[in-house]
């Protein structure tokens, strides 16, 4: 089976199959839900820094 090419080859026979692009990416990269989220780590950190600057009193509530 070749997930990247979305094909299964059995000798002379080849079968194509479809995989939803996001699911395919996650399988090929070995990502679970946390790994998928961590791909956006820089964006999350920037948001949190901006939030803390705007609302410093919320820092003690988390």
Protein backbone atom coordinates (compact mmCIF):
# COMPACT_ATOMS: atom_id res chain seq x y z
CA UNK A 1 0.00 0.00 0.00
CA UNK A 2 1.25 3.46 -0.90
CA UNK A 3 -0.66 6.03 1.13
CA UNK A 4 1.11 8.99 -0.46
CA UNK A 5 0.09 7.82 -3.95
CA UNK A 6 -3.22 6.46 -2.67
CA UNK A 7 -2.70 3.10 -4.36
CA UNK A 8 -2.58 -0.56 -3.45
CA UNK A 9 -0.52 -2.71 -5.80
CA UNK A 10 -0.91 -6.49 -5.85
CA UNK A 11 1.35 -7.92 -8.50
CA UNK A 12 -0.05 -6.76 -11.84
CA UNK A 13 -3.14 -5.22 -10.26
CA UNK A 14 -3.31 -1.69 -8.91
CA UNK A 15 -6.20 -0.20 -6.96
CA UNK A 16 -6.66 3.48 -6.25
CA UNK A 17 -8.35 4.70 -3.10
CA UNK A 18 -9.31 8.10 -1.73
CA UNK A 19 -8.26 9.55 1.60
CA UNK A 20 -9.46 12.93 2.86
CA UNK A 21 -6.45 15.33 2.57
CA UNK A 22 -6.29 16.26 6.27
CA UNK A 23 -6.47 12.62 7.36
CA UNK A 24 -3.81 11.68 4.79
CA UNK A 25 -1.48 14.43 6.05
CA UNK A 26 -1.94 13.34 9.66
CA UNK A 27 -1.25 9.68 8.82
CA UNK A 28 1.82 10.47 6.72
CA UNK A 29 3.23 12.79 9.39
CA UNK A 30 2.28 10.55 12.33
CA UNK A 31 0.25 13.30 13.98
CA UNK A 32 -2.36 12.81 16.68
CA UNK A 33 -4.66 15.59 17.91
CA UNK A 34 -1.94 17.13 20.08
CA UNK A 35 0.67 16.94 17.33
CA UNK A 36 -1.74 18.59 14.92
CA UNK A 37 -2.32 21.42 17.41
CA UNK A 38 1.40 21.86 18.06
CA UNK A 39 1.95 22.61 14.38
CA UNK A 40 0.35 25.96 15.23
CA UNK A 41 2.49 26.56 18.33
CA UNK A 42 3.94 29.91 17.18
CA UNK A 43 0.48 31.28 16.37
CA UNK A 44 -0.88 30.11 19.72
CA UNK A 45 2.04 31.66 21.61
CA UNK A 46 1.60 34.96 19.77
CA UNK A 47 -2.10 34.99 20.63
CA UNK A 48 -1.40 34.22 24.29
CA UNK A 49 1.23 36.98 24.50
CA UNK A 50 -1.15 39.50 22.93
CA UNK A 51 -3.96 38.39 25.26
CA UNK A 52 -1.73 38.76 28.31
CA UNK A 53 -0.64 42.25 27.20
CA UNK A 54 -4.26 43.33 26.71
CA UNK A 55 -5.65 41.67 29.84
CA UNK A 56 -2.81 41.25 32.37
CA UNK A 57 -5.26 40.55 35.21
CA UNK A 58 -6.23 37.26 33.51
CA UNK A 59 -2.72 35.83 33.99
CA UNK A 60 -3.56 34.66 37.50
CA UNK A 61 -6.83 32.96 36.55
CA UNK A 62 -5.40 30.22 34.35
